[in-house]
Amino acid sequence: MSEPPGESFPCEFPLKVIGRGRDELQAAASAIIERHMGPLAPGRLSARASRDGNFVALTYTVLAHSRTQLDAVYRELTACEAVLMAL
């Protein structure tokens, strides 16, 4: 299956995961992402708390090999109870 126009793989891709409680969210999201993408290299994760500190946004920069791979990651992330939103 060919990729849609404008998408070229492999490519660096930012996955943003939003939830509450950084430790629980990071553990769950990292496990899901590593299951699909392989081990994360140091420096490939950044975190930012919301202004009020109620939410945390984690951004993982991964090497994506296909749209199918990204779709599988998003499906699993959005099914995870610790994840409120995945972008």
PDB file of N, CA and C in Angstrom:
ATOM      1  N   MET A   1       0.852  -1.184   0.000  1.00  0.00           N
ATOM      2  CA  MET A   1       0.000   0.000   0.000  1.00  0.00           C
ATOM      3  C   MET A   1       0.892   1.239   0.000  1.00  0.00           C
ATOM      4  N   SER A   2       0.642   2.159  -0.869  1.00  0.00           N
ATOM      5  CA  SER A   2       1.458   3.373  -0.926  1.00  0.00           C
ATOM      6  C   SER A   2       0.919   4.407   0.053  1.00  0.00           C
ATOM      7  N   GLU A   3       1.800   5.304   0.464  1.00  0.00           N
ATOM      8  CA  GLU A   3       1.427   6.356   1.405  1.00  0.00           C
ATOM      9  C   GLU A   3       0.732   7.496   0.661  1.00  0.00           C
ATOM     10  N   PRO A   4      -0.150   8.222   1.355  1.00  0.00           N
ATOM     11  CA  PRO A   4      -0.810   9.362   0.723  1.00  0.00           C
ATOM     12  C   PRO A   4       0.208  10.402   0.264  1.00  0.00           C
ATOM     13  N   PRO A   5      -0.141  11.202  -0.739  1.00  0.00           N
ATOM     14  CA  PRO A   5       0.770  12.244  -1.203  1.00  0.00           C
ATOM     15  C   PRO A   5       1.156  13.181  -0.058  1.00  0.00           C
ATOM     16  N   GLY A   6       2.402  13.604  -0.050  1.00  0.00           N
ATOM     17  CA  GLY A   6       2.880  14.525   0.974  1.00  0.00           C
ATOM     18  C   GLY A   6       3.487  13.830   2.175  1.00  0.00           C
ATOM     19  N   GLU A   7       3.294  12.526   2.309  1.00  0.00           N
ATOM     20  CA  GLU A   7       3.887  11.783   3.415  1.00  0.00           C
ATOM     21  C   GLU A   7       5.010  10.918   2.873  1.00  0.00           C
ATOM     22  N   SER A   8       6.160  11.060   3.475  1.00  0.00           N
ATOM     23  CA  SER A   8       7.319  10.287   3.060  1.00  0.00           C
ATOM     24  C   SER A   8       7.906   9.608   4.292  1.00  0.00           C
ATOM     25  N   PHE A   9       8.013   8.325   4.259  1.00  0.00           N
ATOM     26  CA  PHE A   9       8.534   7.561   5.384  1.00  0.00           C
ATOM     27  C   PHE A   9       9.829   6.888   4.994  1.00  0.00           C
ATOM     28  N   PRO A  10      10.706   6.658   5.952  1.00  0.00           N
ATOM     29  CA  PRO A  10      10.624   7.017   7.368  1.00  0.00           C
ATOM     30  C   PRO A  10      10.795   8.524   7.577  1.00  0.00           C
ATOM     31  N   CYS A  11      10.225   9.019   8.691  1.00  0.00           N
ATOM     32  CA  CYS A  11      10.339  10.437   9.005  1.00  0.00           C
ATOM     33  C   CYS A  11      10.269  10.656  10.517  1.00  0.00           C
ATOM     34  N   GLU A  12      10.838  11.769  10.953  1.00  0.00           N
ATOM     35  CA  GLU A  12      10.717  12.186  12.349  1.00  0.00           C
ATOM     36  C   GLU A  12       9.284  12.673  12.538  1.00  0.00           C
ATOM     37  N   PHE A  13       8.636  12.209  13.614  1.00  0.00           N
ATOM     38  CA  PHE A  13       7.240  12.544  13.816  1.00  0.00           C
ATOM     39  C   PHE A  13       6.991  12.854  15.283  1.00  0.00           C
ATOM     40  N   PRO A  14       6.378  13.997  15.609  1.00  0.00           N
ATOM     41  CA  PRO A  14       6.076  14.313  17.007  1.00  0.00           C
ATOM     42  C   PRO A  14       4.723  13.725  17.416  1.00  0.00           C
ATOM     43  N   LEU A  15       4.728  12.949  18.485  1.00  0.00           N
ATOM     44  CA  LEU A  15       3.498  12.413  19.063  1.00  0.00           C
ATOM     45  C   LEU A  15       3.236  13.165  20.357  1.00  0.00           C
ATOM     46  N   LYS A  16       2.109  13.851  20.465  1.00  0.00           N
ATOM     47  CA  LYS A  16       1.779  14.589  21.683  1.00  0.00           C
ATOM     48  C   LYS A  16       0.714  13.814  22.445  1.00  0.00           C
ATOM     49  N   VAL A  17       0.987  13.608  23.730  1.00  0.00           N
ATOM     50  CA  VAL A  17       0.093  12.845  24.597  1.00  0.00           C
ATOM     51  C   VAL A  17      -0.256  13.731  25.788  1.00  0.00           C
ATOM     52  N   ILE A  18      -1.551  13.892  26.059  1.00  0.00           N
ATOM     53  CA  ILE A  18      -2.009  14.768  27.135  1.00  0.00           C
ATOM     54  C   ILE A  18      -2.793  13.950  28.155  1.00  0.00           C
ATOM     55  N   GLY A  19      -2.518  14.232  29.432  1.00  0.00           N
ATOM     56  CA  GLY A  19      -3.227  13.536  30.496  1.00  0.00           C
ATOM     57  C   GLY A  19      -2.976  14.217  31.825  1.00  0.00           C
ATOM     58  N   ARG A  20      -3.324  13.519  32.899  1.00  0.00           N
ATOM     59  CA  ARG A  20      -3.098  14.010  34.256  1.00  0.00           C
ATOM     60  C   ARG A  20      -2.051  13.108  34.903  1.00  0.00           C
ATOM     61  N   GLY A  21      -1.328  13.625  35.847  1.00  0.00           N
ATOM     62  CA  GLY A  21      -0.361  12.806  36.567  1.00  0.00           C
ATOM     63  C   GLY A  21       0.790  12.360  35.693  1.00  0.00           C
ATOM     64  N   ARG A  22       1.859  13.116  35.687  1.00  0.00           N
ATOM     65  CA  ARG A  22       2.958  12.887  34.771  1.00  0.00           C
ATOM     66  C   ARG A  22       3.546  11.480  34.858  1.00  0.00           C
ATOM     67  N   ASP A  23       3.800  10.978  36.059  1.00  0.00           N
ATOM     68  CA  ASP A  23       4.476   9.688  36.175  1.00  0.00           C
ATOM     69  C   ASP A  23       3.652   8.556  35.567  1.00  0.00           C
ATOM     70  N   GLU A  24       2.371   8.496  35.909  1.00  0.00           N
ATOM     71  CA  GLU A  24       1.505   7.450  35.372  1.00  0.00           C
ATOM     72  C   GLU A  24       1.362   7.594  33.856  1.00  0.00           C
ATOM     73  N   LEU A  25       1.140   8.818  33.402  1.00  0.00           N
ATOM     74  CA  LEU A  25       0.986   9.073  31.973  1.00  0.00           C
ATOM     75  C   LEU A  25       2.249   8.706  31.216  1.00  0.00           C
ATOM     76  N   GLN A  26       3.395   9.136  31.727  1.00  0.00           N
ATOM     77  CA  GLN A  26       4.653   8.860  31.033  1.00  0.00           C
ATOM     78  C   GLN A  26       4.938   7.366  30.977  1.00  0.00           C
ATOM     79  N   ALA A  27       4.694   6.657  32.063  1.00  0.00           N
ATOM     80  CA  ALA A  27       4.934   5.206  32.070  1.00  0.00           C
ATOM     81  C   ALA A  27       4.049   4.504  31.044  1.00  0.00           C
ATOM     82  N   ALA A  28       2.765   4.841  31.028  1.00  0.00           N
ATOM     83  CA  ALA A  28       1.827   4.198  30.104  1.00  0.00           C
ATOM     84  C   ALA A  28       2.133   4.560  28.654  1.00  0.00           C
ATOM     85  N   ALA A  29       2.320   5.848  28.384  1.00  0.00           N
ATOM     86  CA  ALA A  29       2.570   6.292  27.008  1.00  0.00           C
ATOM     87  C   ALA A  29       3.898   5.760  26.484  1.00  0.00           C
ATOM     88  N   SER A  30       4.928   5.795  27.306  1.00  0.00           N
ATOM     89  CA  SER A  30       6.240   5.300  26.869  1.00  0.00           C
ATOM     90  C   SER A  30       6.177   3.821  26.523  1.00  0.00           C
ATOM     91  N   ALA A  31       5.469   3.028  27.337  1.00  0.00           N
ATOM     92  CA  ALA A  31       5.346   1.598  27.063  1.00  0.00           C
ATOM     93  C   ALA A  31       4.650   1.362  25.725  1.00  0.00           C
ATOM     94  N   ILE A  32       3.584   2.099  25.470  1.00  0.00           N
ATOM     95  CA  ILE A  32       2.852   1.949  24.210  1.00  0.00           C
ATOM     96  C   ILE A  32       3.725   2.357  23.021  1.00  0.00           C
ATOM     97  N   ILE A  33       4.352   3.501  23.132  1.00  0.00           N
ATOM     98  CA  ILE A  33       5.156   4.005  22.019  1.00  0.00           C
ATOM     99  C   ILE A  33       6.341   3.092  21.751  1.00  0.00           C
ATOM    100  N   GLU A  34       7.015   2.637  22.794  1.00  0.00           N
ATOM    101  CA  GLU A  34       8.166   1.743  22.589  1.00  0.00           C
ATOM    102  C   GLU A  34       7.742   0.394  22.023  1.00  0.00           C
ATOM    103  N   ARG A  35       6.545  -0.063  22.351  1.00  0.00           N
ATOM    104  CA  ARG A  35       6.054  -1.329  21.805  1.00  0.00           C
ATOM    105  C   ARG A  35       5.927  -1.241  20.280  1.00  0.00           C
ATOM    106  N   HIS A  36       5.546  -0.073  19.780  1.00  0.00           N
ATOM    107  CA  HIS A  36       5.342   0.102  18.340  1.00  0.00           C
ATOM    108  C   HIS A  36       6.556   0.678  17.612  1.00  0.00           C
ATOM    109  N   MET A  37       7.339   1.508  18.303  1.00  0.00           N
ATOM    110  CA  MET A  37       8.422   2.245  17.654  1.00  0.00           C
ATOM    111  C   MET A  37       9.822   1.769  18.040  1.00  0.00           C
ATOM    112  N   GLY A  38       9.914   0.936  19.061  1.00  0.00           N
ATOM    113  CA  GLY A  38      11.217   0.525  19.561  1.00  0.00           C
ATOM    114  C   GLY A  38      11.675   1.464  20.671  1.00  0.00           C
ATOM    115  N   PRO A  39      12.837   1.187  21.244  1.00  0.00           N
ATOM    116  CA  PRO A  39      13.333   1.990  22.370  1.00  0.00           C
ATOM    117  C   PRO A  39      13.482   3.467  22.002  1.00  0.00           C
ATOM    118  N   LEU A  40      13.119   4.319  22.945  1.00  0.00           N
ATOM    119  CA  LEU A  40      13.252   5.762  22.753  1.00  0.00           C
ATOM    120  C   LEU A  40      14.661   6.203  23.127  1.00  0.00           C
ATOM    121  N   ALA A  41      15.276   6.963  22.260  1.00  0.00           N
ATOM    122  CA  ALA A  41      16.605   7.501  22.545  1.00  0.00           C
ATOM    123  C   ALA A  41      16.486   8.635  23.566  1.00  0.00           C
ATOM    124  N   PRO A  42      17.520   8.842  24.361  1.00  0.00           N
ATOM    125  CA  PRO A  42      17.496   9.963  25.314  1.00  0.00           C
ATOM    126  C   PRO A  42      17.261  11.287  24.572  1.00  0.00           C
ATOM    127  N   GLY A  43      16.525  12.169  25.204  1.00  0.00           N
ATOM    128  CA  GLY A  43      16.264  13.476  24.610  1.00  0.00           C
ATOM    129  C   GLY A  43      15.119  13.498  23.620  1.00  0.00           C
ATOM    130  N   ARG A  44      14.400  12.390  23.472  1.00  0.00           N
ATOM    131  CA  ARG A  44      13.302  12.316  22.501  1.00  0.00           C
ATOM    132  C   ARG A  44      11.944  12.541  23.157  1.00  0.00           C
ATOM    133  N   LEU A  45      11.962  12.974  24.425  1.00  0.00           N
ATOM    134  CA  LEU A  45      10.738  13.242  25.161  1.00  0.00           C
ATOM    135  C   LEU A  45      10.839  14.595  25.839  1.00  0.00           C
ATOM    136  N   SER A  46       9.816  15.412  25.663  1.00  0.00           N
ATOM    137  CA  SER A  46       9.743  16.665  26.414  1.00  0.00           C
ATOM    138  C   SER A  46       8.390  16.710  27.104  1.00  0.00           C
ATOM    139  N   ALA A  47       8.347  17.397  28.230  1.00  0.00           N
ATOM    140  CA  ALA A  47       7.115  17.485  29.011  1.00  0.00           C
ATOM    141  C   ALA A  47       6.834  18.939  29.348  1.00  0.00           C
ATOM    142  N   ARG A  48       5.548  19.254  29.403  1.00  0.00           N
ATOM    143  CA  ARG A  48       5.136  20.601  29.781  1.00  0.00           C
ATOM    144  C   ARG A  48       3.837  20.513  30.567  1.00  0.00           C
ATOM    145  N   ALA A  49       3.815  21.131  31.721  1.00  0.00           N
ATOM    146  CA  ALA A  49       2.603  21.164  32.536  1.00  0.00           C
ATOM    147  C   ALA A  49       1.723  22.318  32.077  1.00  0.00           C
ATOM    148  N   SER A  50       0.423  22.168  32.270  1.00  0.00           N
ATOM    149  CA  SER A  50      -0.499  23.253  31.952  1.00  0.00           C
ATOM    150  C   SER A  50      -0.290  24.395  32.943  1.00  0.00           C
ATOM    151  N   ARG A  51      -0.828  25.538  32.619  1.00  0.00           N
ATOM    152  CA  ARG A  51      -0.665  26.723  33.454  1.00  0.00           C
ATOM    153  C   ARG A  51      -1.090  26.464  34.899  1.00  0.00           C
ATOM    154  N   ASP A  52      -2.207  25.777  35.087  1.00  0.00           N
ATOM    155  CA  ASP A  52      -2.714  25.497  36.429  1.00  0.00           C
ATOM    156  C   ASP A  52      -2.125  24.218  37.022  1.00  0.00           C
ATOM    157  N   GLY A  53      -1.346  23.491  36.239  1.00  0.00           N
ATOM    158  CA  GLY A  53      -0.735  22.263  36.721  1.00  0.00           C
ATOM    159  C   GLY A  53      -1.676  21.065  36.764  1.00  0.00           C
ATOM    160  N   ASN A  54      -2.846  21.191  36.154  1.00  0.00           N
ATOM    161  CA  ASN A  54      -3.812  20.092  36.167  1.00  0.00           C
ATOM    162  C   ASN A  54      -3.528  19.023  35.113  1.00  0.00           C
ATOM    163  N   PHE A  55      -2.837  19.398  34.061  1.00  0.00           N
ATOM    164  CA  PHE A  55      -2.571  18.495  32.947  1.00  0.00           C
ATOM    165  C   PHE A  55      -1.094  18.539  32.604  1.00  0.00           C
ATOM    166  N   VAL A  56      -0.651  17.498  31.923  1.00  0.00           N
ATOM    167  CA  VAL A  56       0.709  17.478  31.411  1.00  0.00           C
ATOM    168  C   VAL A  56       0.645  17.050  29.945  1.00  0.00           C
ATOM    169  N   ALA A  57       1.475  17.674  29.128  1.00  0.00           N
ATOM    170  CA  ALA A  57       1.589  17.314  27.715  1.00  0.00           C
ATOM    171  C   ALA A  57       2.988  16.746  27.501  1.00  0.00           C
ATOM    172  N   LEU A  58       3.034  15.531  27.012  1.00  0.00           N
ATOM    173  CA  LEU A  58       4.301  14.876  26.681  1.00  0.00           C
ATOM    174  C   LEU A  58       4.433  14.861  25.170  1.00  0.00           C
ATOM    175  N   THR A  59       5.588  15.250  24.667  1.00  0.00           N
ATOM    176  CA  THR A  59       5.840  15.179  23.234  1.00  0.00           C
ATOM    177  C   THR A  59       6.995  14.218  22.995  1.00  0.00           C
ATOM    178  N   TYR A  60       6.696  13.155  22.281  1.00  0.00           N
ATOM    179  CA  TYR A  60       7.685  12.149  21.899  1.00  0.00           C
ATOM    180  C   TYR A  60       8.038  12.395  20.444  1.00  0.00           C
ATOM    181  N   THR A  61       9.307  12.495  20.134  1.00  0.00           N
ATOM    182  CA  THR A  61       9.738  12.602  18.738  1.00  0.00           C
ATOM    183  C   THR A  61      10.263  11.232  18.339  1.00  0.00           C
ATOM    184  N   VAL A  62       9.556  10.597  17.414  1.00  0.00           N
ATOM    185  CA  VAL A  62       9.871   9.217  17.030  1.00  0.00           C
ATOM    186  C   VAL A  62      10.224   9.144  15.550  1.00  0.00           C
ATOM    187  N   LEU A  63      10.841   8.052  15.176  1.00  0.00           N
ATOM    188  CA  LEU A  63      11.108   7.778  13.768  1.00  0.00           C
ATOM    189  C   LEU A  63      10.001   6.849  13.283  1.00  0.00           C
ATOM    190  N   ALA A  64       9.057   7.417  12.544  1.00  0.00           N
ATOM    191  CA  ALA A  64       7.913   6.651  12.033  1.00  0.00           C
ATOM    192  C   ALA A  64       8.279   6.026  10.694  1.00  0.00           C
ATOM    193  N   HIS A  65       7.873   4.768  10.517  1.00  0.00           N
ATOM    194  CA  HIS A  65       8.196   4.057   9.283  1.00  0.00           C
ATOM    195  C   HIS A  65       7.012   3.933   8.335  1.00  0.00           C
ATOM    196  N   SER A  66       5.781   4.163   8.852  1.00  0.00           N
ATOM    197  CA  SER A  66       4.610   4.082   7.976  1.00  0.00           C
ATOM    198  C   SER A  66       3.396   4.706   8.650  1.00  0.00           C
ATOM    199  N   ARG A  67       2.406   5.036   7.868  1.00  0.00           N
ATOM    200  CA  ARG A  67       1.138   5.546   8.391  1.00  0.00           C
ATOM    201  C   ARG A  67       0.468   4.442   9.216  1.00  0.00           C
ATOM    202  N   THR A  68       0.580   3.205   8.791  1.00  0.00           N
ATOM    203  CA  THR A  68      -0.007   2.079   9.516  1.00  0.00           C
ATOM    204  C   THR A  68       0.571   1.983  10.923  1.00  0.00           C
ATOM    205  N   GLN A  69       1.862   2.177  11.053  1.00  0.00           N
ATOM    206  CA  GLN A  69       2.523   2.152  12.359  1.00  0.00           C
ATOM    207  C   GLN A  69       1.994   3.280  13.247  1.00  0.00           C
ATOM    208  N   LEU A  70       1.885   4.479  12.705  1.00  0.00           N
ATOM    209  CA  LEU A  70       1.365   5.612  13.473  1.00  0.00           C
ATOM    210  C   LEU A  70      -0.088   5.389  13.870  1.00  0.00           C
ATOM    211  N   ASP A  71      -0.893   4.854  12.971  1.00  0.00           N
ATOM    212  CA  ASP A  71      -2.295   4.587  13.293  1.00  0.00           C
ATOM    213  C   ASP A  71      -2.415   3.606  14.451  1.00  0.00           C
ATOM    214  N   ALA A  72      -1.574   2.583  14.475  1.00  0.00           N
ATOM    215  CA  ALA A  72      -1.600   1.595  15.559  1.00  0.00           C
ATOM    216  C   ALA A  72      -1.230   2.242  16.894  1.00  0.00           C
ATOM    217  N   VAL A  73      -0.244   3.135  16.880  1.00  0.00           N
ATOM    218  CA  VAL A  73       0.149   3.840  18.107  1.00  0.00           C
ATOM    219  C   VAL A  73      -1.005   4.706  18.595  1.00  0.00           C
ATOM    220  N   TYR A  74      -1.615   5.479  17.713  1.00  0.00           N
ATOM    221  CA  TYR A  74      -2.719   6.354  18.102  1.00  0.00           C
ATOM    222  C   TYR A  74      -3.910   5.556  18.639  1.00  0.00           C
ATOM    223  N   ARG A  75      -4.220   4.426  18.022  1.00  0.00           N
ATOM    224  CA  ARG A  75      -5.333   3.597  18.509  1.00  0.00           C
ATOM    225  C   ARG A  75      -5.078   3.139  19.943  1.00  0.00           C
ATOM    226  N   GLU A  76      -3.871   2.677  20.201  1.00  0.00           N
ATOM    227  CA  GLU A  76      -3.560   2.189  21.543  1.00  0.00           C
ATOM    228  C   GLU A  76      -3.477   3.331  22.559  1.00  0.00           C
ATOM    229  N   LEU A  77      -2.900   4.458  22.164  1.00  0.00           N
ATOM    230  CA  LEU A  77      -2.832   5.601  23.076  1.00  0.00           C
ATOM    231  C   LEU A  77      -4.222   6.089  23.459  1.00  0.00           C
ATOM    232  N   THR A  78      -5.119   6.217  22.498  1.00  0.00           N
ATOM    233  CA  THR A  78      -6.452   6.744  22.805  1.00  0.00           C
ATOM    234  C   THR A  78      -7.288   5.746  23.602  1.00  0.00           C
ATOM    235  N   ALA A  79      -6.940   4.474  23.586  1.00  0.00           N
ATOM    236  CA  ALA A  79      -7.642   3.468  24.382  1.00  0.00           C
ATOM    237  C   ALA A  79      -7.120   3.411  25.820  1.00  0.00           C
ATOM    238  N   CYS A  80      -5.983   4.024  26.077  1.00  0.00           N
ATOM    239  CA  CYS A  80      -5.348   3.993  27.394  1.00  0.00           C
ATOM    240  C   CYS A  80      -6.067   4.938  28.355  1.00  0.00           C
ATOM    241  N   GLU A  81      -6.394   4.453  29.551  1.00  0.00           N
ATOM    242  CA  GLU A  81      -7.122   5.268  30.532  1.00  0.00           C
ATOM    243  C   GLU A  81      -6.332   6.476  31.011  1.00  0.00           C
ATOM    244  N   ALA A  82      -5.006   6.401  31.026  1.00  0.00           N
ATOM    245  CA  ALA A  82      -4.179   7.515  31.502  1.00  0.00           C
ATOM    246  C   ALA A  82      -4.124   8.654  30.483  1.00  0.00           C
ATOM    247  N   VAL A  83      -4.467   8.376  29.246  1.00  0.00           N
ATOM    248  CA  VAL A  83      -4.356   9.360  28.161  1.00  0.00           C
ATOM    249  C   VAL A  83      -5.710  10.032  27.925  1.00  0.00           C
ATOM    250  N   LEU A  84      -5.724  11.357  28.040  1.00  0.00           N
ATOM    251  CA  LEU A  84      -6.951  12.103  27.739  1.00  0.00           C
ATOM    252  C   LEU A  84      -7.044  12.428  26.260  1.00  0.00           C
ATOM    253  N   MET A  85      -5.884  12.677  25.634  1.00  0.00           N
ATOM    254  CA  MET A  85      -5.860  13.054  24.215  1.00  0.00           C
ATOM    255  C   MET A  85      -4.497  12.710  23.632  1.00  0.00           C
ATOM    256  N   ALA A  86      -4.501  12.269  22.381  1.00  0.00           N
ATOM    257  CA  ALA A  86      -3.263  12.019  21.646  1.00  0.00           C
ATOM    258  C   ALA A  86      -3.355  12.748  20.319  1.00  0.00           C
ATOM    259  N   LEU A  87      -2.345  13.546  20.039  1.00  0.00           N
ATOM    260  CA  LEU A  87      -2.321  14.348  18.798  1.00  0.00           C
ATOM    261  C   LEU A  87      -1.105  13.992  17.974  1.00  0.00           C
TER     262      LEU A  87
END
